[in-house]
Amino acid sequence: MKKITFLLANLFFISALISCNEKKMTEVVEVPLPTVQEKIKIGNPNDVKAAEGSFQMEKIAFGYDALAPDISALTLESHYGKNYLSFTNNLNKAVLGTKFENLTIEELLKTLDINDALIRNNAGGYYNHSLYFKTISPKAGGEAIDTLASSINKDFGSFSNFKTLFKETAVKQFGSGWVWLVVDKTGVLQITTTQNQDNPLMTYAPVVGFHGTPILGIDLWEHAYFLDHQYKKKNYIDAFFNVVNWQKVNENYTATFKK
C-alpha cells in the first residue's frame, strides 16, 4: 500500500512538473503577430517604369499611402504598379511594328478593328488607367469647379444630381467595367458605362449611354477595390469621390473644346 501511495505521489509530482513546463514553453513561444506594415513592404511609385515603347504610364505625384483610408496603399500599389504596368507593357508589345505604333492612344482607339482583341483589351486598359490615375489625388474630393461646374449644373441640374446619378449607375453596373463622365459629340455631358476595358472613344464598342470623350472614369474591376472593401462595391464608389481631383477633371473638360 505504501508503495502504491509512493508511486501515485510521484506520478502526481511528474504530472505537475510537465504541466508547469508546458506552461513555461507556451509562454516562451507566444509572440505577437506581425503588423500589416511588418508583413508587407510597400514600394514607391517612382520606381515603376514601363518597358521602352510608344506608350508610357501616367506618373502619380504621391506615395501609395497618400489616399488612405479611401484607397489603401496595398490596393494602390497593386493597381498602379501591376495592373496598369501590365496593360502598358502588353500594349507596347502588341503595337510594335504595326500601323498603330506611331499613333496617339486616342487615334489608336478610334481606328482599331473590333476583332483585334489583343490590342483592344490592352489599349483600352492603358487608356482607362491613364485617365483614372490622372484624376485622383490626396486632399481632393469636394465638388466640380470652374467651367465644368457650370456645365454640370446645366446638364444635370446640380452637382448633387450628377453625383447621385453617377453613383447609382456605378452600383448597378454588372460585372467588370467602367462608368464614365463623357462629353458627347454635341458638347453635352453624359454618364456612360462600358464593359471590361472598353471605353466611349471606341466607336465600335458597345456602350450604355453615349460615345464621346471621357473626362472622368471609375474602375469597377475588383482589383480596384476588393482588398479594401471585399464585395461592398458601394463603399468603394463613395470613397472614390473623396479622391477625385476636380481641377484635373476640369482640365480634361476644357481640353475637349480644342479638339
C-alpha atoms as a PDB file:
ATOM      1  CA  MET A   1       0.000   0.000   0.000  1.00  0.00           C
ATOM      2  CA  LYS A   2       2.851   2.331   0.891  1.00  0.00           C
ATOM      3  CA  LYS A   3       4.467   1.572  -2.462  1.00  0.00           C
ATOM      4  CA  ILE A   4       1.250   2.403  -4.304  1.00  0.00           C
ATOM      5  CA  THR A   5       0.896   5.657  -2.385  1.00  0.00           C
ATOM      6  CA  PHE A   6       4.519   6.493  -3.130  1.00  0.00           C
ATOM      7  CA  LEU A   7       4.031   5.780  -6.864  1.00  0.00           C
ATOM      8  CA  LEU A   8       0.861   7.868  -7.010  1.00  0.00           C
ATOM      9  CA  ALA A   9       2.640  10.760  -5.325  1.00  0.00           C
ATOM     10  CA  ASN A  10       5.492  10.551  -7.797  1.00  0.00           C
ATOM     11  CA  LEU A  11       3.062  10.434 -10.721  1.00  0.00           C
ATOM     12  CA  PHE A  12       1.278  13.493  -9.338  1.00  0.00           C
ATOM     13  CA  PHE A  13       4.600  15.322  -8.969  1.00  0.00           C
ATOM     14  CA  ILE A  14       5.726  14.398 -12.501  1.00  0.00           C
ATOM     15  CA  SER A  15       2.338  15.434 -13.942  1.00  0.00           C
ATOM     16  CA  ALA A  16       2.533  18.792 -12.174  1.00  0.00           C
ATOM     17  CA  LEU A  17       6.103  19.289 -13.380  1.00  0.00           C
ATOM     18  CA  ILE A  18       5.142  18.532 -17.006  1.00  0.00           C
ATOM     19  CA  SER A  19       2.156  20.871 -16.759  1.00  0.00           C
ATOM     20  CA  CYS A  20       4.388  23.609 -15.364  1.00  0.00           C
ATOM     21  CA  ASN A  21       6.993  23.098 -18.094  1.00  0.00           C
ATOM     22  CA  GLU A  22       4.298  23.147 -20.803  1.00  0.00           C
ATOM     23  CA  LYS A  23       3.013  26.440 -19.445  1.00  0.00           C
ATOM     24  CA  LYS A  24       6.523  27.890 -19.477  1.00  0.00           C
ATOM     25  CA  MET A  25       7.086  26.636 -23.023  1.00  0.00           C
ATOM     26  CA  THR A  26       3.794  28.171 -24.125  1.00  0.00           C
ATOM     27  CA  GLU A  27       4.760  31.480 -22.599  1.00  0.00           C
ATOM     28  CA  VAL A  28       8.160  31.372 -24.279  1.00  0.00           C
ATOM     29  CA  VAL A  29       6.922  30.655 -27.838  1.00  0.00           C
ATOM     30  CA  GLU A  30       3.978  33.039 -27.641  1.00  0.00           C
ATOM     31  CA  VAL A  31       4.893  36.109 -29.744  1.00  0.00           C
ATOM     32  CA  PRO A  32       2.700  38.916 -31.061  1.00  0.00           C
ATOM     33  CA  LEU A  33       1.546  38.591 -34.657  1.00  0.00           C
ATOM     34  CA  PRO A  34       3.356  40.829 -37.130  1.00  0.00           C
ATOM     35  CA  THR A  35       1.566  44.013 -38.104  1.00  0.00           C
ATOM     36  CA  VAL A  36       0.445  44.654 -41.667  1.00  0.00           C
ATOM     37  CA  GLN A  37       3.364  47.039 -42.101  1.00  0.00           C
ATOM     38  CA  GLU A  38       5.823  44.353 -40.999  1.00  0.00           C
ATOM     39  CA  LYS A  39       4.343  41.682 -43.262  1.00  0.00           C
ATOM     40  CA  ILE A  40       4.023  43.806 -46.393  1.00  0.00           C
ATOM     41  CA  LYS A  41       6.628  46.214 -47.650  1.00  0.00           C
ATOM     42  CA  ILE A  42       5.067  48.975 -49.738  1.00  0.00           C
ATOM     43  CA  GLY A  43       7.177  50.285 -52.614  1.00  0.00           C
ATOM     44  CA  ASN A  44       7.487  53.650 -54.324  1.00  0.00           C
ATOM     45  CA  PRO A  45       5.509  54.580 -57.468  1.00  0.00           C
ATOM     46  CA  ASN A  46       8.569  56.427 -58.776  1.00  0.00           C
ATOM     47  CA  ASP A  47      10.255  53.049 -59.166  1.00  0.00           C
ATOM     48  CA  VAL A  48       7.565  51.812 -61.566  1.00  0.00           C
ATOM     49  CA  LYS A  49       8.528  52.247 -65.199  1.00  0.00           C
ATOM     50  CA  ALA A  50       7.139  50.588 -68.289  1.00  0.00           C
ATOM     51  CA  ALA A  51       9.458  48.956 -70.795  1.00  0.00           C
ATOM     52  CA  GLU A  52      10.591  51.138 -73.678  1.00  0.00           C
ATOM     53  CA  GLY A  53       7.814  51.667 -76.199  1.00  0.00           C
ATOM     54  CA  SER A  54       5.303  54.033 -77.769  1.00  0.00           C
ATOM     55  CA  PHE A  55       3.212  54.423 -74.627  1.00  0.00           C
ATOM     56  CA  GLN A  56       4.297  55.329 -71.117  1.00  0.00           C
ATOM     57  CA  MET A  57       2.487  55.436 -67.793  1.00  0.00           C
ATOM     58  CA  GLU A  58       0.848  58.453 -66.225  1.00  0.00           C
ATOM     59  CA  LYS A  59       3.049  59.386 -63.273  1.00  0.00           C
ATOM     60  CA  ILE A  60       1.425  59.906 -59.885  1.00  0.00           C
ATOM     61  CA  ALA A  61       2.930  62.616 -57.708  1.00  0.00           C
ATOM     62  CA  PHE A  62       2.168  60.987 -54.359  1.00  0.00           C
ATOM     63  CA  GLY A  63       3.027  57.865 -52.397  1.00  0.00           C
ATOM     64  CA  TYR A  64       0.960  54.726 -52.291  1.00  0.00           C
ATOM     65  CA  ASP A  65      -0.267  55.538 -48.784  1.00  0.00           C
ATOM     66  CA  ALA A  66      -1.435  59.061 -49.643  1.00  0.00           C
ATOM     67  CA  LEU A  67      -5.039  58.123 -50.468  1.00  0.00           C
ATOM     68  CA  ALA A  68      -5.693  56.039 -47.340  1.00  0.00           C
ATOM     69  CA  PRO A  69      -8.164  55.274 -45.897  1.00  0.00           C
ATOM     70  CA  ASP A  70     -10.219  55.807 -49.079  1.00  0.00           C
ATOM     71  CA  ILE A  71      -7.837  53.678 -51.148  1.00  0.00           C
ATOM     72  CA  SER A  72      -5.251  51.673 -49.227  1.00  0.00           C
ATOM     73  CA  ALA A  73      -1.544  51.620 -50.017  1.00  0.00           C
ATOM     74  CA  LEU A  74      -1.717  47.930 -50.882  1.00  0.00           C
ATOM     75  CA  THR A  75      -4.590  48.413 -53.337  1.00  0.00           C
ATOM     76  CA  LEU A  76      -2.970  51.428 -54.960  1.00  0.00           C
ATOM     77  CA  GLU A  77       0.388  49.706 -55.328  1.00  0.00           C
ATOM     78  CA  SER A  78      -1.185  46.628 -56.881  1.00  0.00           C
ATOM     79  CA  HIS A  79      -3.465  48.640 -59.166  1.00  0.00           C
ATOM     80  CA  TYR A  80      -0.790  51.051 -60.365  1.00  0.00           C
ATOM     81  CA  GLY A  81       2.396  49.002 -60.203  1.00  0.00           C
ATOM     82  CA  LYS A  82       0.952  45.734 -61.521  1.00  0.00           C
ATOM     83  CA  ASN A  83      -2.330  46.129 -63.425  1.00  0.00           C
ATOM     84  CA  TYR A  84      -1.593  49.449 -65.115  1.00  0.00           C
ATOM     85  CA  LEU A  85       2.027  48.483 -65.760  1.00  0.00           C
ATOM     86  CA  SER A  86       0.932  45.202 -67.329  1.00  0.00           C
ATOM     87  CA  PHE A  87      -1.516  46.890 -69.709  1.00  0.00           C
ATOM     88  CA  THR A  88       1.167  49.374 -70.751  1.00  0.00           C
ATOM     89  CA  ASN A  89       3.846  46.770 -71.429  1.00  0.00           C
ATOM     90  CA  ASN A  90       1.434  44.451 -73.236  1.00  0.00           C
ATOM     91  CA  LEU A  91       0.198  47.276 -75.448  1.00  0.00           C
ATOM     92  CA  ASN A  92       3.726  48.284 -76.415  1.00  0.00           C
ATOM     93  CA  LYS A  93       4.496  44.695 -77.392  1.00  0.00           C
ATOM     94  CA  ALA A  94       1.259  44.359 -79.358  1.00  0.00           C
ATOM     95  CA  VAL A  95       1.716  47.507 -81.477  1.00  0.00           C
ATOM     96  CA  LEU A  96       5.427  47.038 -82.164  1.00  0.00           C
ATOM     97  CA  GLY A  97       5.962  47.049 -85.929  1.00  0.00           C
ATOM     98  CA  THR A  98       2.288  47.735 -86.701  1.00  0.00           C
ATOM     99  CA  LYS A  99       0.458  50.752 -88.151  1.00  0.00           C
ATOM    100  CA  PHE A 100      -0.561  51.701 -84.600  1.00  0.00           C
ATOM    101  CA  GLU A 101       2.966  52.177 -83.279  1.00  0.00           C
ATOM    102  CA  ASN A 102       3.201  55.895 -84.048  1.00  0.00           C
ATOM    103  CA  LEU A 103      -0.398  56.871 -83.295  1.00  0.00           C
ATOM    104  CA  THR A 104      -1.612  58.601 -80.149  1.00  0.00           C
ATOM    105  CA  ILE A 105      -3.685  56.396 -77.885  1.00  0.00           C
ATOM    106  CA  GLU A 106      -6.817  58.345 -78.863  1.00  0.00           C
ATOM    107  CA  GLU A 107      -6.133  57.836 -82.569  1.00  0.00           C
ATOM    108  CA  LEU A 108      -5.471  54.155 -81.984  1.00  0.00           C
ATOM    109  CA  LEU A 109      -8.729  53.616 -80.085  1.00  0.00           C
ATOM    110  CA  LYS A 110     -10.809  55.359 -82.752  1.00  0.00           C
ATOM    111  CA  THR A 111      -9.336  53.375 -85.659  1.00  0.00           C
ATOM    112  CA  LEU A 112      -8.842  49.961 -84.063  1.00  0.00           C
ATOM    113  CA  ASP A 113     -10.665  46.960 -85.517  1.00  0.00           C
ATOM    114  CA  ILE A 114     -13.189  45.484 -83.084  1.00  0.00           C
ATOM    115  CA  ASN A 115     -11.901  41.966 -83.804  1.00  0.00           C
ATOM    116  CA  ASP A 116      -8.326  42.735 -82.733  1.00  0.00           C
ATOM    117  CA  ALA A 117      -8.882  41.585 -79.146  1.00  0.00           C
ATOM    118  CA  LEU A 118      -5.228  41.717 -78.038  1.00  0.00           C
ATOM    119  CA  ILE A 119      -4.697  45.368 -78.904  1.00  0.00           C
ATOM    120  CA  ARG A 120      -8.272  46.315 -77.990  1.00  0.00           C
ATOM    121  CA  ASN A 121      -8.037  44.959 -74.436  1.00  0.00           C
ATOM    122  CA  ASN A 122      -4.591  46.367 -73.711  1.00  0.00           C
ATOM    123  CA  ALA A 123      -5.144  49.714 -75.438  1.00  0.00           C
ATOM    124  CA  GLY A 124      -8.381  50.119 -73.508  1.00  0.00           C
ATOM    125  CA  GLY A 125      -6.724  49.102 -70.253  1.00  0.00           C
ATOM    126  CA  TYR A 126      -3.871  51.522 -70.879  1.00  0.00           C
ATOM    127  CA  TYR A 127      -6.097  54.493 -71.751  1.00  0.00           C
ATOM    128  CA  ASN A 128      -8.614  53.824 -68.989  1.00  0.00           C
ATOM    129  CA  HIS A 129      -5.996  53.545 -66.258  1.00  0.00           C
ATOM    130  CA  SER A 130      -4.082  56.570 -67.524  1.00  0.00           C
ATOM    131  CA  LEU A 131      -7.234  58.662 -67.102  1.00  0.00           C
ATOM    132  CA  TYR A 132      -8.059  57.083 -63.749  1.00  0.00           C
ATOM    133  CA  PHE A 133      -4.667  57.809 -62.196  1.00  0.00           C
ATOM    134  CA  LYS A 134      -4.580  61.284 -63.699  1.00  0.00           C
ATOM    135  CA  THR A 135      -7.801  62.286 -61.946  1.00  0.00           C
ATOM    136  CA  ILE A 136      -7.272  61.018 -58.389  1.00  0.00           C
ATOM    137  CA  SER A 137      -5.091  62.609 -55.730  1.00  0.00           C
ATOM    138  CA  PRO A 138      -4.793  63.250 -51.978  1.00  0.00           C
ATOM    139  CA  LYS A 139      -6.531  66.258 -50.422  1.00  0.00           C
ATOM    140  CA  ALA A 140      -9.129  66.134 -53.175  1.00  0.00           C
ATOM    141  CA  GLY A 141     -12.859  65.453 -53.348  1.00  0.00           C
ATOM    142  CA  GLY A 142     -15.484  68.129 -52.878  1.00  0.00           C
ATOM    143  CA  GLU A 143     -17.312  69.455 -55.934  1.00  0.00           C
ATOM    144  CA  ALA A 144     -16.551  70.319 -59.543  1.00  0.00           C
ATOM    145  CA  ILE A 145     -15.016  73.718 -60.226  1.00  0.00           C
ATOM    146  CA  ASP A 146     -14.965  76.486 -62.846  1.00  0.00           C
ATOM    147  CA  THR A 147     -16.299  75.734 -66.335  1.00  0.00           C
ATOM    148  CA  LEU A 148     -17.035  72.114 -65.519  1.00  0.00           C
ATOM    149  CA  ALA A 149     -19.160  73.078 -62.518  1.00  0.00           C
ATOM    150  CA  SER A 150     -21.304  75.356 -64.691  1.00  0.00           C
ATOM    151  CA  SER A 151     -21.760  72.653 -67.313  1.00  0.00           C
ATOM    152  CA  ILE A 152     -22.681  70.008 -64.733  1.00  0.00           C
ATOM    153  CA  ASN A 153     -25.315  72.345 -63.314  1.00  0.00           C
ATOM    154  CA  LYS A 154     -26.663  72.941 -66.825  1.00  0.00           C
ATOM    155  CA  ASP A 155     -26.691  69.311 -67.980  1.00  0.00           C
ATOM    156  CA  PHE A 156     -27.646  67.556 -64.710  1.00  0.00           C
ATOM    157  CA  GLY A 157     -29.444  70.271 -62.763  1.00  0.00           C
ATOM    158  CA  SER A 158     -26.878  70.345 -59.954  1.00  0.00           C
ATOM    159  CA  PHE A 159     -23.662  68.707 -58.811  1.00  0.00           C
ATOM    160  CA  SER A 160     -25.678  66.739 -56.264  1.00  0.00           C
ATOM    161  CA  ASN A 161     -27.890  65.329 -59.036  1.00  0.00           C
ATOM    162  CA  PHE A 162     -24.847  64.367 -61.085  1.00  0.00           C
ATOM    163  CA  LYS A 163     -23.123  62.688 -58.152  1.00  0.00           C
ATOM    164  CA  THR A 164     -26.240  60.705 -57.230  1.00  0.00           C
ATOM    165  CA  LEU A 165     -26.784  59.543 -60.811  1.00  0.00           C
ATOM    166  CA  PHE A 166     -23.109  58.613 -61.276  1.00  0.00           C
ATOM    167  CA  LYS A 167     -23.061  56.601 -58.050  1.00  0.00           C
ATOM    168  CA  GLU A 168     -26.345  54.840 -58.843  1.00  0.00           C
ATOM    169  CA  THR A 169     -25.059  53.922 -62.297  1.00  0.00           C
ATOM    170  CA  ALA A 170     -21.833  52.555 -60.816  1.00  0.00           C
ATOM    171  CA  VAL A 171     -23.659  50.474 -58.195  1.00  0.00           C
ATOM    172  CA  LYS A 172     -25.893  48.943 -60.880  1.00  0.00           C
ATOM    173  CA  GLN A 173     -23.010  48.147 -63.239  1.00  0.00           C
ATOM    174  CA  PHE A 174     -22.899  44.375 -63.587  1.00  0.00           C
ATOM    175  CA  GLY A 175     -19.530  42.669 -63.665  1.00  0.00           C
ATOM    176  CA  SER A 176     -16.194  44.233 -64.559  1.00  0.00           C
ATOM    177  CA  GLY A 177     -16.274  47.561 -66.352  1.00  0.00           C
ATOM    178  CA  TRP A 178     -16.220  51.320 -66.065  1.00  0.00           C
ATOM    179  CA  VAL A 179     -18.569  54.270 -65.532  1.00  0.00           C
ATOM    180  CA  TRP A 180     -17.658  57.489 -67.306  1.00  0.00           C
ATOM    181  CA  LEU A 181     -18.439  61.170 -67.377  1.00  0.00           C
ATOM    182  CA  VAL A 182     -18.121  61.990 -71.081  1.00  0.00           C
ATOM    183  CA  VAL A 183     -18.524  64.923 -73.409  1.00  0.00           C
ATOM    184  CA  ASP A 184     -20.679  63.724 -76.308  1.00  0.00           C
ATOM    185  CA  LYS A 185     -20.335  64.902 -79.919  1.00  0.00           C
ATOM    186  CA  THR A 186     -22.717  67.814 -79.265  1.00  0.00           C
ATOM    187  CA  GLY A 187     -20.713  69.019 -76.250  1.00  0.00           C
ATOM    188  CA  VAL A 188     -23.204  67.787 -73.651  1.00  0.00           C
ATOM    189  CA  LEU A 189     -22.040  65.964 -70.518  1.00  0.00           C
ATOM    190  CA  GLN A 190     -23.335  62.403 -70.251  1.00  0.00           C
ATOM    191  CA  ILE A 191     -22.872  59.398 -67.968  1.00  0.00           C
ATOM    192  CA  THR A 192     -21.924  56.261 -69.885  1.00  0.00           C
ATOM    193  CA  THR A 193     -20.899  52.714 -68.977  1.00  0.00           C
ATOM    194  CA  THR A 194     -18.734  50.128 -70.723  1.00  0.00           C
ATOM    195  CA  GLN A 195     -17.820  46.512 -70.033  1.00  0.00           C
ATOM    196  CA  ASN A 196     -14.338  45.111 -69.493  1.00  0.00           C
ATOM    197  CA  GLN A 197     -11.658  47.578 -70.727  1.00  0.00           C
ATOM    198  CA  ASP A 198     -13.770  49.210 -73.443  1.00  0.00           C
ATOM    199  CA  ASN A 199     -14.320  52.960 -73.327  1.00  0.00           C
ATOM    200  CA  PRO A 200     -16.506  55.577 -75.062  1.00  0.00           C
ATOM    201  CA  LEU A 201     -13.746  56.587 -77.508  1.00  0.00           C
ATOM    202  CA  MET A 202     -14.097  53.196 -79.196  1.00  0.00           C
ATOM    203  CA  THR A 203     -16.832  53.952 -81.704  1.00  0.00           C
ATOM    204  CA  TYR A 204     -17.214  50.245 -82.472  1.00  0.00           C
ATOM    205  CA  ALA A 205     -17.560  49.183 -78.817  1.00  0.00           C
ATOM    206  CA  PRO A 206     -20.982  48.784 -77.187  1.00  0.00           C
ATOM    207  CA  VAL A 207     -21.754  51.436 -74.577  1.00  0.00           C
ATOM    208  CA  VAL A 208     -24.733  52.077 -72.354  1.00  0.00           C
ATOM    209  CA  GLY A 209     -25.289  55.756 -72.987  1.00  0.00           C
ATOM    210  CA  PHE A 210     -23.258  57.856 -75.396  1.00  0.00           C
ATOM    211  CA  HIS A 211     -19.935  57.638 -77.150  1.00  0.00           C
ATOM    212  CA  GLY A 212     -17.729  60.645 -76.549  1.00  0.00           C
ATOM    213  CA  THR A 213     -14.590  61.888 -74.825  1.00  0.00           C
ATOM    214  CA  PRO A 214     -14.185  60.608 -71.257  1.00  0.00           C
ATOM    215  CA  ILE A 215     -13.091  63.202 -68.694  1.00  0.00           C
ATOM    216  CA  LEU A 216     -13.589  61.053 -65.566  1.00  0.00           C
ATOM    217  CA  GLY A 217     -13.872  57.299 -65.075  1.00  0.00           C
ATOM    218  CA  ILE A 218     -14.253  54.913 -62.158  1.00  0.00           C
ATOM    219  CA  ASP A 219     -12.709  51.466 -62.425  1.00  0.00           C
ATOM    220  CA  LEU A 220     -15.208  48.826 -61.312  1.00  0.00           C
ATOM    221  CA  TRP A 221     -12.974  45.808 -61.753  1.00  0.00           C
ATOM    222  CA  GLU A 222     -12.471  44.010 -58.442  1.00  0.00           C
ATOM    223  CA  HIS A 223      -8.737  44.755 -58.467  1.00  0.00           C
ATOM    224  CA  ALA A 224      -9.647  48.400 -57.806  1.00  0.00           C
ATOM    225  CA  TYR A 225     -11.485  47.769 -54.541  1.00  0.00           C
ATOM    226  CA  PHE A 226     -11.669  44.158 -53.345  1.00  0.00           C
ATOM    227  CA  LEU A 227      -8.697  44.277 -50.946  1.00  0.00           C
ATOM    228  CA  ASP A 228     -10.265  47.277 -49.196  1.00  0.00           C
ATOM    229  CA  HIS A 229     -13.996  46.625 -49.399  1.00  0.00           C
ATOM    230  CA  GLN A 230     -14.474  42.986 -50.475  1.00  0.00           C
ATOM    231  CA  TYR A 231     -17.933  42.781 -52.072  1.00  0.00           C
ATOM    232  CA  LYS A 232     -19.112  46.145 -50.740  1.00  0.00           C
ATOM    233  CA  LYS A 233     -18.693  47.949 -54.027  1.00  0.00           C
ATOM    234  CA  LYS A 234     -20.841  50.874 -52.905  1.00  0.00           C
ATOM    235  CA  ASN A 235     -18.332  51.725 -50.165  1.00  0.00           C
ATOM    236  CA  TYR A 236     -15.585  51.956 -52.796  1.00  0.00           C
ATOM    237  CA  ILE A 237     -17.744  54.178 -55.013  1.00  0.00           C
ATOM    238  CA  ASP A 238     -18.389  56.528 -52.071  1.00  0.00           C
ATOM    239  CA  ALA A 239     -14.669  56.561 -51.227  1.00  0.00           C
ATOM    240  CA  PHE A 240     -13.740  57.278 -54.849  1.00  0.00           C
ATOM    241  CA  PHE A 241     -15.467  60.667 -54.694  1.00  0.00           C
ATOM    242  CA  ASN A 242     -13.198  61.611 -51.782  1.00  0.00           C
ATOM    243  CA  VAL A 243     -10.123  61.373 -54.025  1.00  0.00           C
ATOM    244  CA  VAL A 244     -11.403  62.843 -57.316  1.00  0.00           C
ATOM    245  CA  ASN A 245      -9.201  65.756 -58.368  1.00  0.00           C
ATOM    246  CA  TRP A 246     -11.764  68.133 -59.864  1.00  0.00           C
ATOM    247  CA  GLN A 247      -9.097  70.516 -61.087  1.00  0.00           C
ATOM    248  CA  LYS A 248      -7.742  67.746 -63.349  1.00  0.00           C
ATOM    249  CA  VAL A 249     -11.238  66.765 -64.458  1.00  0.00           C
ATOM    250  CA  ASN A 250     -11.932  70.404 -65.306  1.00  0.00           C
ATOM    251  CA  GLU A 251      -8.695  70.490 -67.353  1.00  0.00           C
ATOM    252  CA  ASN A 252      -9.831  67.371 -69.202  1.00  0.00           C
ATOM    253  CA  TYR A 253     -13.155  69.048 -69.901  1.00  0.00           C
ATOM    254  CA  THR A 254     -11.740  72.325 -71.223  1.00  0.00           C
ATOM    255  CA  ALA A 255      -9.271  70.379 -73.388  1.00  0.00           C
ATOM    256  CA  THR A 256     -12.226  68.939 -75.332  1.00  0.00           C
ATOM    257  CA  PHE A 257     -13.010  72.452 -76.633  1.00  0.00           C
ATOM    258  CA  LYS A 258      -9.700  72.476 -78.525  1.00  0.00           C
ATOM    259  CA  LYS A 259     -10.332  69.221 -80.403  1.00  0.00           C
END
